[in-house]
Amino acid sequence: MSHSTLRRRIAAGLTAMATAAGLVAGTPALANAQSAGSAGSAEPPAAPAAAPAAMPFGGNEDPDNQRGILGAGCVYDPVQSWVQLCEVWSPAMNRHIKVQVQPARQAGGNAGLYLLDGLRARDDWNAWTHDAQAQRIFLMDNITLVMPVGGQVSFYSDWERPINLGGNLLEYKYETFLTEELPVYLQREFGVSPNNNAVAGLSMGGSAAAMLAANHPDQFKQVSVFSGYMNPTAPGMYSMIPLAMFDQCKCDPFAMWGLPGSPAWGAHDPLLNADKLRDVPMYVTAGSAIPGEYDQPSSLQAVFNTFNGIILEGLSRGSTLAFQNTMNAAPNNATFNYRTTGIHGWGYWNDDLIAARSEQILDVMNAYSTY
């Protein structure tokens, strides 16, 4: 490891921890705070804004009568808004993977937006359709939403060893699935081009979105990162990430990238791969870790969740600042937006997605409907 790389890792880690500690120390009392709603919390978050302020085109959601065509292996999802729940075979993982898909509004729209979940991803739905309102936000746009279901603690990467979940030994090959297998299915069933996609994610999914865009620039033309952990090799993160993973899955976290310090950790670190992202339009956000409009806990559990959300967002903000400093060392296409309030919670990520849609996604993907 070079001295410059070591210095960068140490500086990023100190920034992350100092930010978290300083923000927590200065945070107002939690008497009026709510559940963090963080990446799979059992406590439901406060209701976010449902959609952009104005919906164009008079509300015709399916002008070409093409959203009513089910893809192979799909049924209509209870979340409505034309979302389909599809079973997609993954040879790499030797099982079907569920994916929620909202087809583009217009026939012929070949743009896709992959929306990645957080550490506590469920096996029955992607939280972007329940804890946020992605299917409403993009309802009138000419872009297909692609929302993988499951993959808790996966970081949407290819693991070095199978994962033992509840006594079931499973292959975790999510990068292969998302970049090699799923694009073939999406092109065949929904007309999504393998080379005309954006990717967005929160927390775990945000870090993963950045790395997928870095490693697969031909597939992903734009990336949005909301409260991501942008320097997982920073001091302290070698412990924090495995502990968080084990708390969720009760599995071996080192089956993912090996032991701390192994080359695979660096290969999945967005800060250390910043040079691969300089030409990619990025929309990157983090909150201040100060409770805001969506934080009003009504139980002891909610207060505990809120405190966790403060810590998590402080770490995210610190690593995002370190990532920004690294990106700004050379020309780049990243936009950074730091909220003055907000912890690690879905209300804020829903608002972030609305902002990313209007700030970058529709423009970069040319995904506006034409009527």
Protein backbone atom coordinates (compact mmCIF):
# COMPACT_ATOMS: atom_id res chain seq x y z
CA MET A 1 0.00 0.00 0.00
CA SER A 2 1.44 3.42 -0.95
CA HIS A 3 1.93 6.13 1.66
CA SER A 4 -0.55 8.38 -0.17
CA THR A 5 -3.22 5.66 -0.12
CA LEU A 6 -2.62 5.01 3.57
CA ARG A 7 -2.82 8.71 4.38
CA ARG A 8 -6.05 8.99 2.40
CA ARG A 9 -7.64 6.05 4.24
CA ILE A 10 -6.65 7.41 7.65
CA ALA A 11 -7.86 10.91 6.83
CA ALA A 12 -11.19 9.61 5.54
CA GLY A 13 -11.69 7.45 8.61
CA LEU A 14 -10.88 10.27 10.99
CA THR A 15 -13.23 12.57 9.10
CA ALA A 16 -16.05 10.03 9.31
CA MET A 17 -15.60 9.36 13.02
CA ALA A 18 -15.08 12.99 13.94
CA THR A 19 -18.18 13.97 12.02
CA ALA A 20 -20.26 11.28 13.72
CA ALA A 21 -18.96 12.13 17.18
CA GLY A 22 -19.34 15.86 16.74
CA LEU A 23 -22.83 15.65 15.32
CA VAL A 24 -24.04 13.25 18.00
CA ALA A 25 -22.62 15.45 20.74
CA GLY A 26 -24.35 18.49 19.31
CA THR A 27 -27.67 16.85 18.50
CA PRO A 28 -30.78 18.19 20.28
CA ALA A 29 -32.51 15.98 22.84
CA LEU A 30 -34.47 13.13 21.32
CA ALA A 31 -37.72 13.91 23.10
CA ASN A 32 -39.31 15.03 19.84
CA ALA A 33 -37.44 12.73 17.47
CA GLN A 34 -38.88 9.76 15.55
CA SER A 35 -37.66 6.37 14.36
CA ALA A 36 -34.76 6.47 11.98
CA GLY A 37 -36.64 4.29 9.54
CA SER A 38 -33.18 3.12 8.64
CA ALA A 39 -32.74 0.61 5.85
CA GLY A 40 -35.21 -1.93 7.14
CA SER A 41 -36.17 -0.71 10.60
CA ALA A 42 -39.28 -2.34 12.01
CA GLU A 43 -40.64 1.08 12.94
CA PRO A 44 -42.35 2.71 9.91
CA PRO A 45 -40.94 6.08 8.92
CA ALA A 46 -42.99 9.25 8.68
CA ALA A 47 -44.79 9.63 5.37
CA PRO A 48 -42.55 11.30 2.75
CA ALA A 49 -43.73 13.38 -0.15
CA ALA A 50 -45.50 11.05 -2.58
CA ALA A 51 -44.42 12.59 -5.88
CA PRO A 52 -43.11 15.75 -7.54
CA ALA A 53 -45.28 18.81 -7.05
CA ALA A 54 -46.66 18.79 -10.58
CA MET A 55 -47.55 15.82 -12.79
CA PRO A 56 -47.61 16.62 -16.53
CA PHE A 57 -49.62 15.11 -19.38
CA GLY A 58 -53.01 15.12 -17.68
CA GLY A 59 -52.53 11.91 -15.73
CA ASN A 60 -52.63 9.32 -18.57
CA GLU A 61 -50.39 6.65 -17.07
CA ASP A 62 -50.40 4.23 -20.02
CA PRO A 63 -50.99 6.19 -23.23
CA ASP A 64 -49.64 3.42 -25.49
CA ASN A 65 -51.43 0.55 -23.71
CA GLN A 66 -48.10 -1.21 -23.18
CA ARG A 67 -47.84 -1.24 -19.37
CA GLY A 68 -50.63 -3.81 -19.24
CA ILE A 69 -48.42 -6.47 -20.83
CA LEU A 70 -46.94 -8.79 -18.22
CA GLY A 71 -43.35 -9.94 -18.59
CA ALA A 72 -42.48 -13.64 -18.41
CA GLY A 73 -42.63 -14.87 -14.83
CA CYS A 74 -44.40 -11.70 -13.63
CA VAL A 75 -47.62 -10.83 -11.81
CA TYR A 76 -48.98 -7.43 -10.93
CA ASP A 77 -47.63 -6.24 -7.60
CA PRO A 78 -49.96 -5.04 -4.81
CA VAL A 79 -48.17 -1.67 -4.74
CA GLN A 80 -50.01 -0.90 -8.02
CA SER A 81 -48.80 1.89 -10.37
CA TRP A 82 -48.25 -0.82 -13.03
CA VAL A 83 -45.47 -2.45 -10.98
CA GLN A 84 -44.87 -6.11 -11.77
CA LEU A 85 -43.28 -8.66 -9.45
CA CYS A 86 -41.08 -10.89 -11.58
CA GLU A 87 -39.18 -14.11 -10.92
CA VAL A 88 -35.90 -13.97 -12.83
CA TRP A 89 -33.66 -17.04 -13.05
CA SER A 90 -30.06 -16.50 -12.01
CA PRO A 91 -27.64 -19.22 -13.16
CA ALA A 92 -24.90 -17.68 -11.00
CA MET A 93 -27.02 -18.03 -7.84
CA ASN A 94 -28.89 -21.15 -9.00
CA ARG A 95 -32.29 -19.78 -8.01
CA HIS A 96 -34.97 -17.33 -9.04
CA ILE A 97 -34.47 -13.74 -7.87
CA LYS A 98 -37.48 -11.51 -7.41
CA VAL A 99 -37.43 -8.14 -9.14
CA GLN A 100 -40.10 -5.44 -9.05
CA VAL A 101 -40.41 -3.72 -12.42
CA GLN A 102 -42.39 -0.65 -13.40
CA PRO A 103 -42.37 -0.42 -17.22
CA ALA A 104 -41.65 2.88 -18.94
CA ARG A 105 -44.68 5.07 -19.63
CA GLN A 106 -44.21 5.06 -23.40
CA ALA A 107 -43.67 2.25 -25.88
CA GLY A 108 -40.10 2.23 -27.11
CA GLY A 109 -38.62 3.74 -23.96
CA ASN A 110 -35.38 1.82 -23.46
CA ALA A 111 -33.94 3.56 -20.38
CA GLY A 112 -33.76 1.76 -17.03
CA LEU A 113 -33.23 2.90 -13.44
CA TYR A 114 -31.97 0.29 -10.98
CA LEU A 115 -33.00 1.08 -7.38
CA LEU A 116 -30.95 -0.74 -4.74
CA ASP A 117 -32.12 -1.43 -1.18
CA GLY A 118 -30.38 -1.14 2.19
CA LEU A 119 -28.63 -3.59 4.50
CA ARG A 120 -31.91 -5.05 5.81
CA ALA A 121 -33.39 -5.75 2.39
CA ARG A 122 -36.49 -7.92 2.63
CA ASP A 123 -37.33 -11.03 0.64
CA ASP A 124 -40.85 -9.93 -0.36
CA TRP A 125 -40.43 -6.40 -1.69
CA ASN A 126 -37.88 -3.71 -2.40
CA ALA A 127 -38.30 -0.94 0.17
CA TRP A 128 -38.29 1.74 -2.54
CA THR A 129 -41.90 0.69 -3.20
CA HIS A 130 -43.04 0.61 0.46
CA ASP A 131 -40.91 2.88 2.64
CA ALA A 132 -40.58 5.34 -0.24
CA GLN A 133 -42.74 6.04 -3.29
CA ALA A 134 -40.49 5.41 -6.29
CA GLN A 135 -43.34 3.96 -8.33
CA ARG A 136 -45.25 7.23 -7.95
CA ILE A 137 -42.25 9.51 -8.48
CA PHE A 138 -41.47 8.04 -11.93
CA LEU A 139 -45.02 7.10 -12.91
CA MET A 140 -45.21 9.64 -15.75
CA ASP A 141 -41.64 9.25 -16.99
CA ASN A 142 -40.30 7.22 -19.88
CA ILE A 143 -37.98 5.04 -17.81
CA THR A 144 -38.32 1.48 -16.49
CA LEU A 145 -37.78 1.06 -12.75
CA VAL A 146 -35.79 -2.07 -11.85
CA MET A 147 -35.97 -2.92 -8.14
CA PRO A 148 -34.23 -6.15 -7.04
CA VAL A 149 -35.85 -7.88 -4.04
CA GLY A 150 -33.72 -9.52 -1.35
CA GLY A 151 -29.96 -9.49 -1.01
CA GLN A 152 -29.73 -8.45 2.63
CA VAL A 153 -26.16 -7.48 3.65
CA SER A 154 -24.98 -8.32 0.12
CA PHE A 155 -23.60 -4.91 -0.92
CA TYR A 156 -24.88 -6.18 -4.29
CA SER A 157 -21.48 -7.78 -4.87
CA ASP A 158 -20.15 -11.21 -5.77
CA TRP A 159 -19.20 -12.92 -2.51
CA GLU A 160 -16.10 -15.04 -2.17
CA ARG A 161 -17.97 -17.85 -0.40
CA PRO A 162 -21.64 -18.90 -0.09
CA ILE A 163 -23.65 -17.30 2.72
CA ASN A 164 -25.47 -19.34 5.36
CA LEU A 165 -28.86 -17.71 5.93
CA GLY A 166 -31.05 -19.53 8.43
CA GLY A 167 -29.44 -22.87 7.63
CA ASN A 168 -29.65 -22.39 3.85
CA LEU A 169 -26.34 -22.12 2.00
CA LEU A 170 -26.82 -19.58 -0.79
CA GLU A 171 -24.59 -18.21 -3.47
CA TYR A 172 -24.43 -14.42 -3.36
CA LYS A 173 -23.49 -13.25 -6.86
CA TYR A 174 -25.46 -10.03 -7.11
CA GLU A 175 -23.02 -8.10 -9.27
CA THR A 176 -23.10 -10.89 -11.85
CA PHE A 177 -26.89 -10.99 -11.66
CA LEU A 178 -27.34 -7.23 -12.04
CA THR A 179 -24.79 -6.73 -14.81
CA GLU A 180 -24.90 -9.95 -16.85
CA GLU A 181 -28.11 -11.90 -16.22
CA LEU A 182 -30.84 -9.38 -15.43
CA PRO A 183 -30.05 -7.06 -18.39
CA VAL A 184 -30.76 -9.91 -20.83
CA TYR A 185 -34.15 -10.52 -19.22
CA LEU A 186 -35.03 -6.81 -19.10
CA GLN A 187 -34.19 -6.29 -22.76
CA ARG A 188 -36.25 -9.28 -23.83
CA GLU A 189 -39.31 -8.65 -21.65
CA PHE A 190 -39.38 -4.85 -21.18
CA GLY A 191 -37.23 -3.39 -23.94
CA VAL A 192 -34.59 -1.97 -21.57
CA SER A 193 -31.26 -1.42 -23.27
CA PRO A 194 -28.29 -3.06 -21.50
CA ASN A 195 -26.34 0.14 -22.22
CA ASN A 196 -28.82 2.84 -21.17
CA ASN A 197 -29.29 2.62 -17.42
CA ALA A 198 -28.95 4.65 -14.24
CA VAL A 199 -28.47 3.19 -10.77
CA ALA A 200 -29.40 4.60 -7.36
CA GLY A 201 -29.29 3.31 -3.82
CA LEU A 202 -29.37 4.22 -0.14
CA SER A 203 -26.88 3.29 2.57
CA MET A 204 -25.51 -0.15 1.58
CA GLY A 205 -27.21 0.23 -1.79
CA GLY A 206 -25.66 3.67 -2.29
CA SER A 207 -22.13 2.37 -1.90
CA ALA A 208 -23.00 -0.54 -4.18
CA ALA A 209 -24.51 1.78 -6.80
CA ALA A 210 -21.27 3.75 -6.95
CA MET A 211 -19.18 0.61 -7.42
CA LEU A 212 -21.51 -0.84 -10.06
CA ALA A 213 -21.24 2.40 -12.01
CA ALA A 214 -17.46 2.42 -11.57
CA ASN A 215 -17.05 -1.15 -12.78
CA HIS A 216 -19.69 -1.13 -15.53
CA PRO A 217 -19.63 2.29 -17.25
CA ASP A 218 -21.08 0.83 -20.44
CA GLN A 219 -24.22 -0.18 -18.54
CA PHE A 220 -24.71 2.70 -16.10
CA LYS A 221 -24.69 6.28 -17.42
CA GLN A 222 -25.69 7.98 -14.17
CA VAL A 223 -25.51 7.10 -10.46
CA SER A 224 -27.26 8.49 -7.36
CA VAL A 225 -25.94 7.78 -3.87
CA PHE A 226 -28.05 8.58 -0.80
CA SER A 227 -26.35 8.31 2.62
CA GLY A 228 -23.84 5.82 1.28
CA TYR A 229 -20.67 4.56 2.93
CA MET A 230 -18.13 5.81 0.47
CA ASN A 231 -14.93 4.62 2.17
CA PRO A 232 -15.44 1.14 3.68
CA THR A 233 -11.68 0.67 4.13
CA ALA A 234 -11.39 3.68 6.45
CA PRO A 235 -10.22 3.06 10.04
CA GLY A 236 -13.10 1.70 12.09
CA MET A 237 -15.17 0.57 9.11
CA TYR A 238 -13.45 -2.82 9.01
CA SER A 239 -15.20 -3.46 12.34
CA MET A 240 -18.44 -1.51 11.90
CA ILE A 241 -19.50 -3.04 8.59
CA PRO A 242 -19.02 -6.70 9.64
CA LEU A 243 -20.76 -6.04 12.99
CA ALA A 244 -23.74 -4.46 11.24
CA MET A 245 -23.88 -7.36 8.79
CA PHE A 246 -23.72 -9.99 11.51
CA ASP A 247 -26.39 -8.20 13.53
CA GLN A 248 -28.73 -8.53 10.56
CA CYS A 249 -27.92 -11.94 9.08
CA LYS A 250 -26.16 -13.88 11.88
CA CYS A 251 -23.83 -15.05 9.14
CA ASP A 252 -20.13 -14.85 8.35
CA PRO A 253 -19.53 -11.30 7.07
CA PHE A 254 -16.05 -12.20 5.88
CA ALA A 255 -17.55 -14.55 3.29
CA MET A 256 -18.17 -11.33 1.35
CA TRP A 257 -14.76 -9.76 0.64
CA GLY A 258 -12.51 -11.82 2.88
CA LEU A 259 -10.72 -10.62 6.00
CA PRO A 260 -10.25 -6.89 6.65
CA GLY A 261 -7.43 -5.48 4.59
CA SER A 262 -7.79 -7.98 1.77
CA PRO A 263 -7.64 -6.60 -1.79
CA ALA A 264 -11.38 -7.18 -2.31
CA TRP A 265 -12.22 -4.55 0.32
CA GLY A 266 -10.30 -1.93 -1.60
CA ALA A 267 -11.84 -3.10 -4.86
CA HIS A 268 -15.29 -2.28 -3.42
CA ASP A 269 -14.35 1.12 -1.93
CA PRO A 270 -15.81 4.04 -3.93
CA LEU A 271 -13.22 6.52 -2.59
CA LEU A 272 -10.34 4.34 -3.71
CA ASN A 273 -12.02 3.93 -7.11
CA ALA A 274 -12.87 7.60 -7.57
CA ASP A 275 -10.91 7.83 -10.82
CA LYS A 276 -13.36 5.40 -12.42
CA LEU A 277 -16.27 7.69 -11.52
CA ARG A 278 -15.02 11.09 -12.66
CA ASP A 279 -16.73 10.91 -16.06
CA VAL A 280 -20.02 9.55 -14.64
CA PRO A 281 -22.75 12.05 -13.69
CA MET A 282 -23.30 11.51 -9.96
CA TYR A 283 -25.88 12.89 -7.53
CA VAL A 284 -24.63 12.31 -3.98
CA THR A 285 -26.40 13.24 -0.74
CA ALA A 286 -25.98 12.95 3.01
CA GLY A 287 -27.86 14.40 5.96
CA SER A 288 -26.48 16.35 8.90
CA ALA A 289 -27.41 13.64 11.44
CA ILE A 290 -29.60 16.20 13.20
CA PRO A 291 -33.22 14.98 13.50
CA GLY A 292 -35.57 16.80 11.15
CA GLU A 293 -39.09 16.77 9.80
CA TYR A 294 -39.47 12.99 9.60
CA ASP A 295 -38.10 12.29 13.08
CA GLN A 296 -40.72 12.20 15.86
CA PRO A 297 -40.43 8.95 17.85
CA SER A 298 -43.46 7.70 19.72
CA SER A 299 -41.89 4.76 21.59
CA LEU A 300 -38.66 3.73 23.30
CA GLN A 301 -37.84 1.52 20.32
CA ALA A 302 -38.33 4.49 18.02
CA VAL A 303 -36.00 6.61 20.16
CA PHE A 304 -33.39 3.85 19.98
CA ASN A 305 -33.82 3.63 16.19
CA THR A 306 -33.45 7.38 15.92
CA PHE A 307 -30.22 7.33 17.88
CA ASN A 308 -28.91 4.61 15.57
CA GLY A 309 -29.97 6.72 12.61
CA ILE A 310 -27.98 9.67 13.95
CA ILE A 311 -24.82 7.59 14.28
CA LEU A 312 -25.25 5.97 10.85
CA GLU A 313 -25.87 9.28 9.10
CA GLY A 314 -22.89 10.88 10.83
CA LEU A 315 -20.66 8.14 9.49
CA SER A 316 -22.21 8.46 6.06
CA ARG A 317 -21.71 12.22 5.98
CA GLY A 318 -18.08 11.90 7.04
CA SER A 319 -17.28 9.33 4.37
CA THR A 320 -19.22 11.34 1.75
CA LEU A 321 -17.17 14.45 2.55
CA ALA A 322 -13.99 12.41 2.23
CA PHE A 323 -15.22 11.01 -1.10
CA GLN A 324 -16.02 14.53 -2.31
CA ASN A 325 -12.54 15.75 -1.41
CA THR A 326 -11.03 12.88 -3.38
CA MET A 327 -13.32 13.48 -6.38
CA ASN A 328 -12.55 17.20 -6.39
CA ALA A 329 -8.85 16.50 -6.78
CA ALA A 330 -9.57 16.33 -10.52
CA PRO A 331 -12.41 17.31 -12.88
CA ASN A 332 -15.59 15.31 -12.37
CA ASN A 333 -19.34 15.29 -13.00
CA ALA A 334 -20.55 14.84 -9.42
CA THR A 335 -23.10 16.98 -7.61
CA PHE A 336 -23.09 16.85 -3.81
CA ASN A 337 -26.08 17.89 -1.70
CA TYR A 338 -25.78 18.00 2.09
CA ARG A 339 -29.07 18.34 3.95
CA THR A 340 -29.05 20.67 6.97
CA THR A 341 -31.16 18.17 8.91
CA GLY A 342 -31.94 14.50 8.51
CA ILE A 343 -30.81 11.16 9.85
CA HIS A 344 -30.57 7.71 8.24
CA GLY A 345 -34.21 7.38 7.21
CA TRP A 346 -36.58 6.73 4.33
CA GLY A 347 -38.40 10.04 4.35
CA TYR A 348 -35.17 11.78 3.43
CA TRP A 349 -34.19 9.21 0.83
CA ASN A 350 -37.57 9.56 -0.86
CA ASP A 351 -36.96 13.32 -1.07
CA ASP A 352 -33.43 12.66 -2.35
CA LEU A 353 -34.82 10.49 -5.14
CA ILE A 354 -37.25 13.22 -6.14
CA ALA A 355 -34.36 15.68 -6.28
CA ALA A 356 -32.09 13.30 -8.22
CA ARG A 357 -34.88 12.71 -10.72
CA SER A 358 -35.19 16.39 -11.59
CA GLU A 359 -31.52 17.33 -11.13
CA GLN A 360 -29.92 14.55 -13.17
CA ILE A 361 -31.69 11.29 -13.90
CA LEU A 362 -34.26 12.41 -16.47
CA ASP A 363 -31.81 14.70 -18.25
CA VAL A 364 -28.93 12.23 -18.43
CA MET A 365 -31.19 9.35 -19.44
CA ASN A 366 -33.34 11.49 -21.79
CA ALA A 367 -36.29 9.82 -20.09
CA TYR A 368 -38.99 12.45 -20.45
CA SER A 369 -42.25 11.35 -21.99
CA THR A 370 -43.00 13.09 -25.28
CA TYR A 371 -46.75 13.36 -24.73
